[in-house]
């Protein structure tokens, strides 16, 4: 089992499970077009546990590491 925060910069993965995330985060991701079976790429990670930038469907979004720890992925 791999979580989104464990990806290295430049690695891609497919989202498997969003059920562990908070309902509000799930809703926001859904509105951005990010759901299970979507392909995501880790673009940038800030030091000291700061937010990460991920790309999905041609758009980049920044998310807290705490939220990324709840999203299960599988490497492509």
C-alpha atoms as a PDB file:
ATOM      1  CA  UNK A   1       0.000   0.000   0.000  1.00  0.00           C
ATOM      2  CA  UNK A   2       1.410   3.351  -1.091  1.00  0.00           C
ATOM      3  CA  UNK A   3       0.160   6.819  -0.212  1.00  0.00           C
ATOM      4  CA  UNK A   4       0.375   9.925  -2.377  1.00  0.00           C
ATOM      5  CA  UNK A   5       2.770  11.726  -0.017  1.00  0.00           C
ATOM      6  CA  UNK A   6       5.323   8.911  -0.504  1.00  0.00           C
ATOM      7  CA  UNK A   7       5.849   9.639  -4.211  1.00  0.00           C
ATOM      8  CA  UNK A   8       9.097  11.274  -5.244  1.00  0.00           C
ATOM      9  CA  UNK A   9       9.183  14.354  -7.459  1.00  0.00           C
ATOM     10  CA  UNK A  10       8.453  13.362 -11.054  1.00  0.00           C
ATOM     11  CA  UNK A  11       6.800  10.024 -10.202  1.00  0.00           C
ATOM     12  CA  UNK A  12       3.321   9.224 -11.483  1.00  0.00           C
ATOM     13  CA  UNK A  13       0.656   7.074  -9.879  1.00  0.00           C
ATOM     14  CA  UNK A  14      -3.006   6.171 -10.200  1.00  0.00           C
ATOM     15  CA  UNK A  15      -5.394   7.009  -7.372  1.00  0.00           C
ATOM     16  CA  UNK A  16      -6.920   3.872  -5.866  1.00  0.00           C
ATOM     17  CA  UNK A  17      -8.823   5.067  -2.804  1.00  0.00           C
ATOM     18  CA  UNK A  18     -10.032   8.455  -1.536  1.00  0.00           C
ATOM     19  CA  UNK A  19     -12.308   7.094   1.216  1.00  0.00           C
ATOM     20  CA  UNK A  20      -9.889   7.898   4.057  1.00  0.00           C
ATOM     21  CA  UNK A  21      -9.856  11.613   3.227  1.00  0.00           C
ATOM     22  CA  UNK A  22     -12.190  14.104   4.870  1.00  0.00           C
ATOM     23  CA  UNK A  23     -15.548  14.537   3.093  1.00  0.00           C
ATOM     24  CA  UNK A  24     -14.834  18.208   2.363  1.00  0.00           C
ATOM     25  CA  UNK A  25     -11.495  17.323   0.737  1.00  0.00           C
ATOM     26  CA  UNK A  26     -13.215  14.596  -1.307  1.00  0.00           C
ATOM     27  CA  UNK A  27     -15.791  17.101  -2.534  1.00  0.00           C
ATOM     28  CA  UNK A  28     -13.154  19.678  -3.483  1.00  0.00           C
ATOM     29  CA  UNK A  29     -11.097  17.092  -5.344  1.00  0.00           C
ATOM     30  CA  UNK A  30     -14.202  15.889  -7.162  1.00  0.00           C
ATOM     31  CA  UNK A  31     -14.983  19.471  -8.265  1.00  0.00           C
ATOM     32  CA  UNK A  32     -11.424  19.716  -9.616  1.00  0.00           C
ATOM     33  CA  UNK A  33     -11.940  16.512 -11.597  1.00  0.00           C
ATOM     34  CA  UNK A  34      -9.756  14.353  -9.363  1.00  0.00           C
ATOM     35  CA  UNK A  35     -11.268  11.012  -8.434  1.00  0.00           C
ATOM     36  CA  UNK A  36     -10.363   7.353  -8.145  1.00  0.00           C
ATOM     37  CA  UNK A  37      -8.598   5.927 -11.216  1.00  0.00           C
ATOM     38  CA  UNK A  38      -7.128   9.359 -12.118  1.00  0.00           C
ATOM     39  CA  UNK A  39      -3.438   9.619 -12.896  1.00  0.00           C
ATOM     40  CA  UNK A  40      -1.462  12.089 -10.770  1.00  0.00           C
ATOM     41  CA  UNK A  41       2.145  13.248 -10.881  1.00  0.00           C
ATOM     42  CA  UNK A  42       4.146  14.669  -7.966  1.00  0.00           C
ATOM     43  CA  UNK A  43       5.553  17.989  -9.198  1.00  0.00           C
ATOM     44  CA  UNK A  44       7.107  19.572  -6.109  1.00  0.00           C
ATOM     45  CA  UNK A  45       7.522  19.058  -2.365  1.00  0.00           C
ATOM     46  CA  UNK A  46       8.344  21.813   0.069  1.00  0.00           C
ATOM     47  CA  UNK A  47      10.714  21.047   2.956  1.00  0.00           C
ATOM     48  CA  UNK A  48       9.796  20.579   6.618  1.00  0.00           C
ATOM     49  CA  UNK A  49       6.432  18.964   5.922  1.00  0.00           C
ATOM     50  CA  UNK A  50       5.101  21.807   3.787  1.00  0.00           C
ATOM     51  CA  UNK A  51       2.544  21.406   1.020  1.00  0.00           C
ATOM     52  CA  UNK A  52       3.128  19.406  -2.164  1.00  0.00           C
ATOM     53  CA  UNK A  53       2.152  20.262  -5.722  1.00  0.00           C
ATOM     54  CA  UNK A  54       0.498  17.526  -7.762  1.00  0.00           C
ATOM     55  CA  UNK A  55      -0.663  17.541 -11.364  1.00  0.00           C
ATOM     56  CA  UNK A  56      -3.803  15.821 -12.584  1.00  0.00           C
ATOM     57  CA  UNK A  57      -5.494  16.346 -15.920  1.00  0.00           C
ATOM     58  CA  UNK A  58      -3.202  19.215 -16.885  1.00  0.00           C
ATOM     59  CA  UNK A  59      -3.851  21.274 -13.759  1.00  0.00           C
ATOM     60  CA  UNK A  60      -1.558  21.678 -10.769  1.00  0.00           C
ATOM     61  CA  UNK A  61      -2.895  21.887  -7.244  1.00  0.00           C
ATOM     62  CA  UNK A  62      -1.194  22.232  -3.889  1.00  0.00           C
ATOM     63  CA  UNK A  63      -2.211  19.981  -1.012  1.00  0.00           C
ATOM     64  CA  UNK A  64      -1.134  19.569   2.589  1.00  0.00           C
ATOM     65  CA  UNK A  65       0.955  16.499   3.393  1.00  0.00           C
ATOM     66  CA  UNK A  66      -1.648  15.524   6.003  1.00  0.00           C
ATOM     67  CA  UNK A  67      -4.276  15.214   3.258  1.00  0.00           C
ATOM     68  CA  UNK A  68      -1.940  13.363   0.898  1.00  0.00           C
ATOM     69  CA  UNK A  69      -1.298  10.715   3.572  1.00  0.00           C
ATOM     70  CA  UNK A  70      -4.932   9.597   3.260  1.00  0.00           C
ATOM     71  CA  UNK A  71      -4.930   9.033  -0.528  1.00  0.00           C
ATOM     72  CA  UNK A  72      -3.901   5.529  -1.630  1.00  0.00           C
ATOM     73  CA  UNK A  73      -2.181   5.189  -4.991  1.00  0.00           C
ATOM     74  CA  UNK A  74      -0.418   2.597  -7.128  1.00  0.00           C
ATOM     75  CA  UNK A  75       2.653   3.479  -9.194  1.00  0.00           C
ATOM     76  CA  UNK A  76       2.335   3.438 -12.947  1.00  0.00           C
END
